[in-house]
């Protein structure tokens, strides 16, 4: 039976940007954004979340009027003891058909400068329809293959509550042995997030789970912080 855990996390983010969330500037045909949170639509659903306890994180995004864009996001600077610098670099193309419909293609390179063998790539594609984003991604990492589906339903009016969902299927090249002689060669995990801005604070309620339980959880290495069911409340505010 999955263990149900309620966690409370209050993140205080330090930033020297003129805007607490996003600083934007036009440079000719280019648009430059610096932010304390991922600013690219499809990539934002795939870049790895900020590590717990990480006080310094941020990124940049440079887009062209033609639809091409490049960017980098660092969920952790590796300052905290036991953490490592991570840089997620992405390149993509976004094309709008009209104000309500657009498609997007791209790739992300996950880099760990001090742990280079762990570098990996991920390809993604998606549609944005009336403010709702649907996407899919595939990565062929060292020792595994991951396939992801995700959706961001945007803000639900009049309550202003956003909802996003993610489902990932993990396939391991080599089965992981577990107790009692068993092994795990594939597993699935998922998460659902409700979010709402309130008085300058981003409130998030996240539920995550997987199809593994009991001894099988010793083989878990998915997108969630825990194999069993986990309910997390997170209140995060960015300061100047």
Protein backbone atom coordinates (compact mmCIF):
# COMPACT_ATOMS: atom_id res chain seq x y z
CA UNK A 1 0.00 0.00 0.00
CA UNK A 2 1.63 3.28 -1.09
CA UNK A 3 2.66 5.56 1.71
CA UNK A 4 0.79 8.88 1.68
CA UNK A 5 2.98 11.74 2.80
CA UNK A 6 2.18 15.45 3.10
CA UNK A 7 5.16 17.74 2.73
CA UNK A 8 5.32 21.53 3.18
CA UNK A 9 8.01 23.41 1.30
CA UNK A 10 8.49 27.16 1.37
CA UNK A 11 11.02 28.34 -1.22
CA UNK A 12 12.62 31.76 -0.95
CA UNK A 13 14.36 32.53 -4.22
CA UNK A 14 17.10 35.15 -4.44
CA UNK A 15 17.25 37.20 -7.63
CA UNK A 16 18.95 40.44 -8.71
CA UNK A 17 16.74 40.89 -11.77
CA UNK A 18 14.72 44.08 -12.22
CA UNK A 19 11.60 41.91 -12.29
CA UNK A 20 11.22 39.22 -9.63
CA UNK A 21 10.14 36.62 -12.20
CA UNK A 22 11.15 37.64 -15.74
CA UNK A 23 13.33 40.39 -17.22
CA UNK A 24 12.65 40.86 -20.96
CA UNK A 25 14.37 43.05 -23.56
CA UNK A 26 14.08 43.33 -27.34
CA UNK A 27 17.35 43.21 -29.32
CA UNK A 28 16.42 43.93 -32.93
CA UNK A 29 14.61 40.84 -34.25
CA UNK A 30 15.47 38.95 -31.05
CA UNK A 31 13.70 38.81 -27.68
CA UNK A 32 15.90 38.10 -24.65
CA UNK A 33 14.45 36.88 -21.36
CA UNK A 34 16.22 36.31 -18.05
CA UNK A 35 14.17 34.57 -15.37
CA UNK A 36 14.14 32.73 -12.07
CA UNK A 37 11.83 30.13 -13.62
CA UNK A 38 11.79 28.41 -17.05
CA UNK A 39 10.26 30.84 -19.55
CA UNK A 40 9.90 28.62 -22.63
CA UNK A 41 6.48 27.00 -23.04
CA UNK A 42 7.17 23.42 -24.13
CA UNK A 43 10.61 23.19 -22.58
CA UNK A 44 9.12 24.42 -19.30
CA UNK A 45 7.16 21.17 -19.05
CA UNK A 46 10.31 19.09 -19.45
CA UNK A 47 13.31 20.84 -17.90
CA UNK A 48 14.02 19.38 -14.51
CA UNK A 49 12.42 21.15 -11.54
CA UNK A 50 14.41 23.16 -9.04
CA UNK A 51 16.16 20.94 -6.51
CA UNK A 52 14.80 21.16 -2.95
CA UNK A 53 16.78 23.66 -0.92
CA UNK A 54 18.36 25.27 -3.99
CA UNK A 55 18.49 29.05 -3.38
CA UNK A 56 20.16 30.04 -6.66
CA UNK A 57 18.69 29.01 -9.98
CA UNK A 58 17.68 30.72 -13.20
CA UNK A 59 18.07 30.85 -16.94
CA UNK A 60 17.86 32.76 -20.19
CA UNK A 61 15.84 32.44 -23.38
CA UNK A 62 16.61 34.06 -26.75
CA UNK A 63 13.96 33.88 -29.47
CA UNK A 64 13.80 35.21 -33.05
CA UNK A 65 10.83 36.56 -34.97
CA UNK A 66 11.15 33.60 -37.36
CA UNK A 67 10.18 31.21 -34.56
CA UNK A 68 13.60 29.78 -33.67
CA UNK A 69 14.79 29.97 -30.08
CA UNK A 70 17.64 28.83 -27.82
CA UNK A 71 17.94 28.89 -24.06
CA UNK A 72 19.49 27.53 -20.90
CA UNK A 73 18.03 26.74 -17.50
CA UNK A 74 20.02 25.82 -14.39
CA UNK A 75 17.80 24.21 -11.72
CA UNK A 76 20.75 24.13 -9.34
CA UNK A 77 24.11 25.90 -9.28
CA UNK A 78 25.76 23.18 -7.20
CA UNK A 79 26.42 25.56 -4.30
CA UNK A 80 24.63 23.50 -1.67
CA UNK A 81 26.79 20.67 -0.21
CA UNK A 82 25.98 17.40 -1.91
CA UNK A 83 24.45 19.07 -5.00
CA UNK A 84 25.94 19.34 -8.50
CA UNK A 85 25.77 22.04 -11.15
CA UNK A 86 23.18 21.19 -13.82
CA UNK A 87 22.54 23.12 -17.04
CA UNK A 88 19.59 22.29 -19.30
CA UNK A 89 20.21 23.73 -22.79
CA UNK A 90 17.47 23.72 -25.42
CA UNK A 91 16.96 24.58 -29.09
CA UNK A 92 13.59 24.69 -30.78
CA UNK A 93 11.18 26.13 -33.31
CA UNK A 94 7.65 27.42 -32.66
CA UNK A 95 5.18 28.25 -35.42
CA UNK A 96 1.76 29.83 -34.82
CA UNK A 97 -1.07 29.12 -37.26
CA UNK A 98 -3.17 31.87 -35.66
CA UNK A 99 -3.68 33.37 -32.18
CA UNK A 100 -5.25 30.15 -30.86
CA UNK A 101 -3.14 27.36 -32.39
CA UNK A 102 0.61 26.73 -32.71
CA UNK A 103 3.05 23.82 -32.82
CA UNK A 104 6.56 23.43 -31.40
CA UNK A 105 9.56 21.13 -31.97
CA UNK A 106 12.87 21.02 -30.14
CA UNK A 107 15.51 19.22 -28.13
CA UNK A 108 17.04 19.60 -24.65
CA UNK A 109 20.56 18.67 -23.57
CA UNK A 110 20.91 17.92 -19.86
CA UNK A 111 24.49 18.66 -18.81
CA UNK A 112 26.33 17.97 -15.54
CA UNK A 113 29.79 19.57 -15.91
CA UNK A 114 31.22 17.62 -12.97
CA UNK A 115 29.42 14.38 -13.92
CA UNK A 116 29.81 14.32 -17.71
CA UNK A 117 28.89 10.62 -18.19
CA UNK A 118 25.36 11.53 -17.04
CA UNK A 119 24.77 13.97 -19.93
CA UNK A 120 21.64 13.14 -21.94
CA UNK A 121 19.34 14.48 -24.69
CA UNK A 122 15.59 14.72 -25.04
CA UNK A 123 13.46 15.49 -28.12
CA UNK A 124 10.03 17.07 -27.71
CA UNK A 125 7.03 18.22 -29.74
CA UNK A 126 3.73 19.78 -28.83
CA UNK A 127 0.63 21.79 -29.66
CA UNK A 128 -0.77 24.90 -27.99
CA UNK A 129 -4.52 25.27 -28.40
CA UNK A 130 -6.47 28.14 -26.81
CA UNK A 131 -3.88 28.48 -24.04
CA UNK A 132 -3.71 24.72 -23.36
CA UNK A 133 -0.43 22.92 -24.10
CA UNK A 134 -0.11 19.23 -25.03
CA UNK A 135 3.31 17.69 -25.55
CA UNK A 136 5.33 14.51 -25.90
CA UNK A 137 9.03 13.80 -25.47
CA UNK A 138 11.50 10.95 -25.95
CA UNK A 139 14.97 10.56 -24.46
CA UNK A 140 17.61 7.87 -24.93
CA UNK A 141 19.73 8.30 -21.81
CA UNK A 142 22.68 6.13 -20.69
CA UNK A 143 21.16 2.80 -19.64
CA UNK A 144 17.52 3.75 -20.24
CA UNK A 145 14.83 5.17 -22.52
CA UNK A 146 12.06 7.49 -21.30
CA UNK A 147 8.85 8.49 -23.08
CA UNK A 148 6.81 11.38 -21.64
CA UNK A 149 3.35 12.84 -22.21
CA UNK A 150 2.39 16.10 -20.54
CA UNK A 151 -0.38 18.69 -20.58
CA UNK A 152 -0.71 22.19 -19.16
CA UNK A 153 -4.37 23.25 -19.05
CA UNK A 154 -3.56 26.86 -18.16
CA UNK A 155 -5.48 28.97 -15.66
CA UNK A 156 -9.09 28.08 -15.00
CA UNK A 157 -11.21 31.20 -14.65
CA UNK A 158 -12.68 32.69 -12.51
CA UNK A 159 -10.66 30.91 -9.78
CA UNK A 160 -7.31 31.32 -11.52
CA UNK A 161 -6.18 27.74 -10.74
CA UNK A 162 -3.79 26.13 -13.18
CA UNK A 163 -3.46 22.38 -13.74
CA UNK A 164 -0.64 20.41 -15.36
CA UNK A 165 -0.09 16.66 -15.71
CA UNK A 166 2.85 14.48 -16.67
CA UNK A 167 3.11 10.73 -17.40
CA UNK A 168 6.39 8.94 -18.16
CA UNK A 169 7.20 5.37 -19.19
CA UNK A 170 10.73 4.26 -18.26
CA UNK A 171 12.50 1.35 -20.00
CA UNK A 172 15.79 0.15 -18.45
CA UNK A 173 18.51 -1.47 -20.62
CA UNK A 174 19.52 -3.76 -17.76
CA UNK A 175 16.94 -5.08 -15.24
CA UNK A 176 17.48 -3.96 -11.64
CA UNK A 177 17.49 -6.78 -9.12
CA UNK A 178 15.28 -6.47 -6.06
CA UNK A 179 14.70 -8.49 -2.92
CA UNK A 180 13.34 -12.04 -3.11
CA UNK A 181 14.96 -12.68 -6.49
CA UNK A 182 12.77 -10.36 -8.54
CA UNK A 183 13.80 -7.66 -11.03
CA UNK A 184 12.43 -4.49 -12.58
CA UNK A 185 13.08 -3.65 -16.24
CA UNK A 186 10.31 -1.07 -16.81
CA UNK A 187 8.03 1.17 -14.75
CA UNK A 188 5.71 4.18 -15.09
CA UNK A 189 5.22 7.30 -12.99
CA UNK A 190 2.99 10.36 -13.11
CA UNK A 191 2.25 13.67 -11.41
CA UNK A 192 -0.58 16.21 -11.23
CA UNK A 193 0.00 19.82 -10.17
CA UNK A 194 -2.51 22.49 -9.18
CA UNK A 195 -1.12 26.03 -9.00
CA UNK A 196 -2.40 29.48 -8.16
CA UNK A 197 -0.67 32.86 -7.67
CA UNK A 198 -1.64 34.63 -4.43
CA UNK A 199 -0.29 37.98 -3.21
CA UNK A 200 2.98 37.52 -5.08
CA UNK A 201 3.37 33.91 -3.92
CA UNK A 202 3.13 30.87 -6.22
CA UNK A 203 1.07 28.19 -4.45
CA UNK A 204 1.45 24.62 -5.77
CA UNK A 205 -0.23 21.37 -4.72
CA UNK A 206 1.43 18.35 -6.33
CA UNK A 207 0.49 14.66 -6.23
CA UNK A 208 2.92 12.10 -7.66
CA UNK A 209 2.96 8.29 -7.76
CA UNK A 210 4.24 5.28 -9.73
CA UNK A 211 3.22 1.71 -10.49
CA UNK A 212 5.98 0.37 -8.19
CA UNK A 213 5.44 -0.37 -4.51
CA UNK A 214 6.99 -2.33 -1.69
CA UNK A 215 10.36 -3.94 -2.54
CA UNK A 216 10.05 -2.82 -6.16
CA UNK A 217 10.65 0.77 -5.05
CA UNK A 218 14.34 -0.02 -4.53
CA UNK A 219 14.63 0.08 -8.35
CA UNK A 220 12.84 3.41 -8.76
CA UNK A 221 14.69 6.21 -10.57
CA UNK A 222 11.93 8.23 -12.18
CA UNK A 223 10.80 11.85 -12.39
CA UNK A 224 9.27 12.00 -8.90
CA UNK A 225 11.14 12.47 -5.64
CA UNK A 226 9.48 9.37 -4.19
CA UNK A 227 8.31 6.03 -5.59
CA UNK A 228 5.11 5.80 -3.53
CA UNK A 229 2.28 8.33 -3.52
CA UNK A 230 3.44 11.76 -2.38
CA UNK A 231 1.34 14.87 -1.77
CA UNK A 232 3.39 18.08 -1.65
CA UNK A 233 2.36 21.67 -0.90
CA UNK A 234 4.84 24.27 -2.05
CA UNK A 235 4.72 28.04 -1.52
CA UNK A 236 7.37 29.93 -3.46
CA UNK A 237 8.14 33.64 -3.71
CA UNK A 238 10.87 35.32 -5.73
CA UNK A 239 12.57 38.36 -4.16
CA UNK A 240 14.43 41.15 -5.90
